[in-house]
Amino acid sequence: MRLAIVAALLSLAASGPAYAQKATLPGIVGTDDRRVVEPGEYPWSAIGRLNTSIGQRCTGTMIAPRLVATAAHCLYNRRTGQPLRPEAVHFLAGYGRGEWAATAPAIAIRRGHDGPPGDPAGDWAIVTLAQPVGNQVGWIAPAFALPSADAAILRAGYGQDRAHLPMAVLGCNVRPAGGGRPLLAHDCDAVRGDSGSPILAIVDGRIHLLGVHSGHGQGPKGTIGVAVPATAFRDAAADWPESHPPPARAGLDPVPTATVRALALRLRQPVPVPSMAALGRLVEKPQ
């Protein structure tokens, strides 16, 4: 289904300047460009927190009515290295300030690793929920190819410094990591707690999930974000539905009218034009 870029993105502008704190947290690239967004608006309603019975938490994204994409390392006991059982995992969609748009426990987990993840290429997991939460909050379909250069790239999640509010950053860049690795490199701000958060692309009014944030690595000239592309879990579902906003009866706001240009004007910034030069200098090996 064709989706115009949701006016929920305008909450990036309404929230004022980026979160005022010194860029001291690992994963912040330059200045901290994250902004608080409204979890009751799509696409943020389709993003939520994955809570576990042992106190670990990460970010996840509805990618179908009952499926949540996240990072595999979120679903292991960090102390024992053992995988968490599904009954230890609960998803809170559209979570904000102790409330949520919808919630359901996990009933199955499919991981890219059979053991504790070490290779980032396998750091993905698909969580099956007991109820079709996506029918209430919407979902964001995976994209199995990188978009054209005019796509708007963003990332949203629940970082360690704002664990009870989603924060998003717009206008970052993503590219293949190179070196023959099936990974994506990105320069989106992301901190601890943002593991499993979505790297999203908006092209011609459609929003898609490019991959899930795994962590950070060192390029030849600095720190880069690392994400597992959606192609890694292409076979985890038989048929991927198109992205879908929440239904009107859900009481959430699908606001299907904004455009990237309108958003950029509200932010008093130029229209995002991805430039891969800076990210390329980090990823590519020096000559």
Protein backbone atom coordinates (compact mmCIF):
# COMPACT_ATOMS: atom_id res chain seq x y z
CA MET A 1 0.00 0.00 0.00
CA ARG A 2 1.36 3.41 -0.92
CA LEU A 3 1.97 5.54 2.16
CA ALA A 4 2.61 9.25 2.20
CA ILE A 5 5.25 10.12 4.77
CA VAL A 6 3.41 10.33 8.03
CA ALA A 7 2.97 13.64 9.77
CA ALA A 8 4.17 11.94 12.89
CA LEU A 9 7.60 12.89 11.60
CA LEU A 10 6.64 16.50 12.28
CA SER A 11 6.93 15.71 15.97
CA LEU A 12 10.66 15.83 15.33
CA ALA A 13 10.22 19.51 14.69
CA ALA A 14 7.68 20.10 17.44
CA SER A 15 10.05 18.70 20.01
CA GLY A 16 12.38 21.65 19.50
CA PRO A 17 16.14 21.35 19.34
CA ALA A 18 17.86 18.02 19.59
CA TYR A 19 18.12 16.53 23.05
CA ALA A 20 20.34 18.93 24.97
CA GLN A 21 23.25 16.96 26.32
CA LYS A 22 26.92 16.77 25.61
CA ALA A 23 27.75 14.18 23.00
CA THR A 24 29.61 11.96 25.44
CA LEU A 25 27.66 8.73 24.99
CA PRO A 26 29.28 6.14 22.71
CA GLY A 27 27.43 6.02 19.42
CA ILE A 28 26.75 9.75 19.06
CA VAL A 29 28.24 10.96 15.78
CA GLY A 30 29.27 14.60 16.19
CA THR A 31 26.41 16.50 17.82
CA ASP A 32 23.45 14.63 19.28
CA ASP A 33 20.76 14.94 16.62
CA ARG A 34 18.16 12.70 18.27
CA ARG A 35 14.73 14.16 18.97
CA VAL A 36 11.89 12.86 21.11
CA VAL A 37 8.97 11.62 19.00
CA GLU A 38 5.36 10.83 19.87
CA PRO A 39 4.82 7.07 20.35
CA GLY A 40 1.10 7.42 19.62
CA GLU A 41 1.81 8.33 15.98
CA TYR A 42 2.82 6.03 13.15
CA PRO A 43 5.53 4.97 12.38
CA TRP A 44 6.66 5.34 16.00
CA SER A 45 3.64 3.32 17.17
CA ALA A 46 5.08 0.32 15.31
CA ILE A 47 8.37 0.63 17.21
CA GLY A 48 8.60 -0.41 20.84
CA ARG A 49 10.56 -1.86 23.69
CA LEU A 50 11.41 -5.52 24.08
CA ASN A 51 11.52 -6.17 27.81
CA THR A 52 12.87 -9.36 29.33
CA SER A 53 12.31 -11.09 32.64
CA ILE A 54 16.00 -10.61 33.55
CA GLY A 55 15.89 -6.84 33.14
CA GLN A 56 17.52 -6.57 29.72
CA ARG A 57 15.76 -4.43 27.14
CA CYS A 58 16.20 -3.42 23.52
CA THR A 59 14.25 -1.82 20.70
CA GLY A 60 12.12 -3.77 18.23
CA THR A 61 9.92 -3.03 15.21
CA MET A 62 6.68 -4.58 14.04
CA ILE A 63 7.33 -5.87 10.50
CA ALA A 64 4.10 -7.88 10.13
CA PRO A 65 0.98 -8.32 12.28
CA ARG A 66 2.73 -10.69 14.72
CA LEU A 67 6.44 -10.32 13.91
CA VAL A 68 9.01 -8.06 15.58
CA ALA A 69 12.53 -7.54 14.20
CA THR A 70 15.36 -6.86 16.63
CA ALA A 71 19.01 -7.78 17.32
CA ALA A 72 19.81 -11.35 18.43
CA HIS A 73 22.19 -10.23 21.17
CA CYS A 74 19.22 -8.63 22.94
CA LEU A 75 17.71 -12.06 23.53
CA TYR A 76 20.57 -13.78 25.32
CA ASN A 77 21.41 -13.73 29.00
CA ARG A 78 24.53 -11.59 29.09
CA ARG A 79 25.76 -13.33 32.25
CA THR A 80 25.29 -16.96 31.21
CA GLY A 81 25.37 -16.64 27.43
CA GLN A 82 22.22 -18.74 27.18
CA PRO A 83 19.35 -17.81 24.83
CA LEU A 84 16.23 -16.45 26.49
CA ARG A 85 13.09 -18.51 26.19
CA PRO A 86 10.13 -16.84 24.47
CA GLU A 87 8.13 -16.61 27.70
CA ALA A 88 10.87 -14.34 29.10
CA VAL A 89 10.25 -11.71 26.39
CA HIS A 90 7.46 -9.12 26.15
CA PHE A 91 6.96 -6.44 23.48
CA LEU A 92 5.51 -3.00 24.27
CA ALA A 93 4.54 -1.28 21.01
CA GLY A 94 4.40 2.53 20.99
CA TYR A 95 5.87 2.64 24.49
CA GLY A 96 6.19 6.01 26.21
CA ARG A 97 6.38 7.15 29.83
CA GLY A 98 5.19 3.85 31.28
CA GLU A 99 2.29 3.43 28.85
CA TRP A 100 2.00 1.67 25.51
CA ALA A 101 -0.29 1.40 22.51
CA ALA A 102 -0.38 -2.42 22.55
CA THR A 103 1.51 -5.27 24.17
CA ALA A 104 1.94 -9.03 23.81
CA PRO A 105 4.27 -11.78 25.03
CA ALA A 106 6.54 -13.71 22.69
CA ILE A 107 5.69 -17.29 21.74
CA ALA A 108 8.64 -18.00 19.42
CA ILE A 109 12.06 -16.54 18.61
CA ARG A 110 14.08 -17.16 15.48
CA ARG A 111 17.70 -16.01 15.68
CA GLY A 112 20.45 -15.54 13.16
CA HIS A 113 22.80 -17.34 15.57
CA ASP A 114 22.42 -20.70 17.29
CA GLY A 115 24.67 -19.49 20.10
CA PRO A 116 25.58 -16.13 21.63
CA PRO A 117 26.21 -13.81 18.69
CA GLY A 118 29.78 -13.00 17.87
CA ASP A 119 29.57 -12.31 14.14
CA PRO A 120 27.43 -9.19 13.57
CA ALA A 121 26.11 -10.66 10.31
CA GLY A 122 23.96 -13.05 12.34
CA ASP A 123 22.87 -10.48 14.92
CA TRP A 124 19.19 -10.50 13.99
CA ALA A 125 16.12 -12.05 15.54
CA ILE A 126 12.45 -12.32 14.60
CA VAL A 127 10.09 -12.53 17.57
CA THR A 128 6.62 -13.99 17.04
CA LEU A 129 4.00 -12.48 19.35
CA ALA A 130 1.01 -14.23 20.87
CA GLN A 131 -1.37 -11.62 19.43
CA PRO A 132 -1.36 -9.69 16.11
CA VAL A 133 -0.27 -6.41 17.68
CA GLY A 134 0.54 -4.98 14.24
CA ASN A 135 -3.14 -4.92 13.35
CA GLN A 136 -3.53 -2.27 16.05
CA VAL A 137 -0.30 -0.24 15.85
CA GLY A 138 0.70 -0.77 12.23
CA TRP A 139 3.89 -2.32 10.90
CA ILE A 140 6.88 -1.40 8.72
CA ALA A 141 7.76 -3.84 5.96
CA PRO A 142 11.37 -4.86 5.30
CA ALA A 143 13.14 -3.63 2.17
CA PHE A 144 15.49 -6.13 0.57
CA ALA A 145 17.57 -3.61 -1.37
CA LEU A 146 19.11 -0.25 -0.55
CA PRO A 147 17.06 2.73 -1.76
CA SER A 148 18.13 5.36 -4.25
CA ALA A 149 20.25 8.29 -3.13
CA ASP A 150 17.24 10.59 -2.70
CA ALA A 151 15.74 8.49 0.10
CA ALA A 152 15.38 9.96 3.57
CA ILE A 153 17.12 7.73 6.13
CA LEU A 154 16.21 7.72 9.81
CA ARG A 155 16.57 5.61 12.94
CA ALA A 156 14.44 5.50 16.08
CA GLY A 157 14.75 3.68 19.39
CA TYR A 158 14.87 3.71 23.16
CA GLY A 159 18.35 4.78 24.16
CA GLN A 160 19.88 4.39 27.60
CA ASP A 161 19.47 8.08 28.40
CA ARG A 162 15.77 8.20 27.41
CA ALA A 163 14.63 4.65 28.09
CA HIS A 164 10.98 5.68 28.48
CA LEU A 165 10.61 7.81 25.34
CA PRO A 166 11.39 7.03 21.71
CA MET A 167 13.96 9.25 20.06
CA ALA A 168 14.58 9.53 16.33
CA VAL A 169 17.28 10.97 14.11
CA LEU A 170 16.58 11.98 10.50
CA GLY A 171 18.93 12.54 7.60
CA CYS A 172 21.70 10.04 8.31
CA ASN A 173 23.40 7.85 5.74
CA VAL A 174 23.62 4.11 5.12
CA ARG A 175 25.70 2.05 2.73
CA PRO A 176 27.11 -1.46 2.39
CA ALA A 177 29.87 -2.02 4.90
CA GLY A 178 32.20 -3.42 2.25
CA GLY A 179 34.89 -6.00 2.67
CA GLY A 180 32.55 -8.74 1.49
CA ARG A 181 30.53 -8.54 4.70
CA PRO A 182 26.70 -8.73 4.47
CA LEU A 183 26.33 -5.71 6.75
CA LEU A 184 25.32 -2.06 6.52
CA ALA A 185 27.36 0.86 7.79
CA HIS A 186 25.52 3.95 9.00
CA ASP A 187 26.16 7.25 10.76
CA CYS A 188 22.85 7.51 12.63
CA ASP A 189 23.22 8.44 16.30
CA ALA A 190 22.55 5.29 18.37
CA VAL A 191 23.45 4.47 21.98
CA ARG A 192 23.04 1.52 24.31
CA GLY A 193 19.37 0.47 24.38
CA ASP A 194 19.06 1.27 20.68
CA SER A 195 20.23 -2.24 19.79
CA GLY A 196 17.68 -3.80 17.49
CA SER A 197 16.27 -0.40 16.51
CA PRO A 198 15.20 0.11 12.90
CA ILE A 199 17.17 1.81 10.16
CA LEU A 200 14.33 3.18 8.03
CA ALA A 201 14.07 4.62 4.54
CA ILE A 202 11.32 6.80 3.12
CA VAL A 203 11.12 6.77 -0.67
CA ASP A 204 8.23 8.24 -2.67
CA GLY A 205 6.02 8.27 0.40
CA ARG A 206 6.75 4.66 1.36
CA ILE A 207 8.47 3.71 4.59
CA HIS A 208 10.52 0.52 4.85
CA LEU A 209 12.91 -1.20 7.23
CA LEU A 210 16.42 -1.42 5.79
CA GLY A 211 17.90 -3.26 8.75
CA VAL A 212 18.33 -3.42 12.51
CA HIS A 213 21.06 -1.64 14.44
CA SER A 214 23.55 -4.10 15.93
CA GLY A 215 26.27 -1.94 17.45
CA HIS A 216 29.40 -0.06 16.45
CA GLY A 217 32.67 -0.95 14.84
CA GLN A 218 35.90 0.73 13.94
CA GLY A 219 36.49 1.80 10.38
CA PRO A 220 39.93 2.83 9.20
CA LYS A 221 39.23 6.43 10.30
CA GLY A 222 36.69 6.27 13.09
CA THR A 223 33.66 4.66 14.70
CA ILE A 224 30.79 3.58 12.47
CA GLY A 225 27.34 2.20 13.19
CA VAL A 226 26.74 -1.39 12.12
CA ALA A 227 23.35 -2.78 11.08
CA VAL A 228 22.16 -6.16 9.86
CA PRO A 229 20.26 -5.71 6.56
CA ALA A 230 16.73 -6.99 6.18
CA THR A 231 18.00 -9.44 3.56
CA ALA A 232 19.44 -11.48 6.46
CA PHE A 233 15.95 -12.43 7.59
CA ARG A 234 14.22 -12.46 4.20
CA ASP A 235 13.37 -16.16 4.61
CA ALA A 236 12.05 -15.81 8.18
CA ALA A 237 8.53 -15.28 6.83
CA ALA A 238 6.86 -16.83 3.81
CA ASP A 239 5.30 -13.63 2.50
CA TRP A 240 6.07 -10.10 3.65
CA PRO A 241 3.09 -7.72 3.71
CA GLU A 242 3.42 -4.09 2.65
CA SER A 243 3.91 -1.46 5.35
CA HIS A 244 0.63 -0.60 6.98
CA PRO A 245 -0.40 2.29 9.31
CA PRO A 246 -2.69 1.64 12.27
CA PRO A 247 -6.44 1.55 11.63
CA ALA A 248 -8.51 4.57 12.62
CA ARG A 249 -10.32 2.57 15.29
CA ALA A 250 -7.03 2.01 17.13
CA GLY A 251 -7.03 5.62 18.34
CA LEU A 252 -3.51 6.15 16.97
CA ASP A 253 -2.58 8.80 14.46
CA PRO A 254 -1.65 7.54 10.97
CA VAL A 255 -1.44 11.16 9.64
CA PRO A 256 -0.76 10.42 5.97
CA THR A 257 0.01 13.93 4.68
CA ALA A 258 3.57 15.11 5.45
CA THR A 259 6.47 15.02 3.02
CA VAL A 260 10.20 15.05 3.57
CA ARG A 261 10.30 18.59 2.17
CA ALA A 262 7.62 19.82 4.58
CA LEU A 263 9.45 18.18 7.44
CA ALA A 264 12.74 19.75 6.42
CA LEU A 265 11.13 23.20 6.27
CA ARG A 266 9.66 22.73 9.73
CA LEU A 267 13.11 21.85 10.99
CA ARG A 268 14.51 24.93 9.22
CA GLN A 269 17.04 22.70 7.54
CA PRO A 270 17.75 21.92 3.88
CA VAL A 271 15.94 18.99 2.34
CA PRO A 272 17.93 15.90 3.34
CA VAL A 273 20.22 14.98 0.47
CA PRO A 274 22.25 11.94 1.53
CA SER A 275 25.95 12.40 0.97
CA MET A 276 27.99 9.24 1.34
CA ALA A 277 31.37 10.93 1.29
CA ALA A 278 31.96 11.21 5.04
CA LEU A 279 30.63 7.74 5.75
CA GLY A 280 32.64 6.33 2.89
CA ARG A 281 35.84 7.72 4.35
CA LEU A 282 35.11 5.79 7.54
CA VAL A 283 34.17 2.53 5.87
CA GLU A 284 36.55 2.23 2.98
CA LYS A 285 40.10 1.11 3.45
CA PRO A 286 42.69 3.80 2.85
CA GLN A 287 44.47 3.63 -0.47
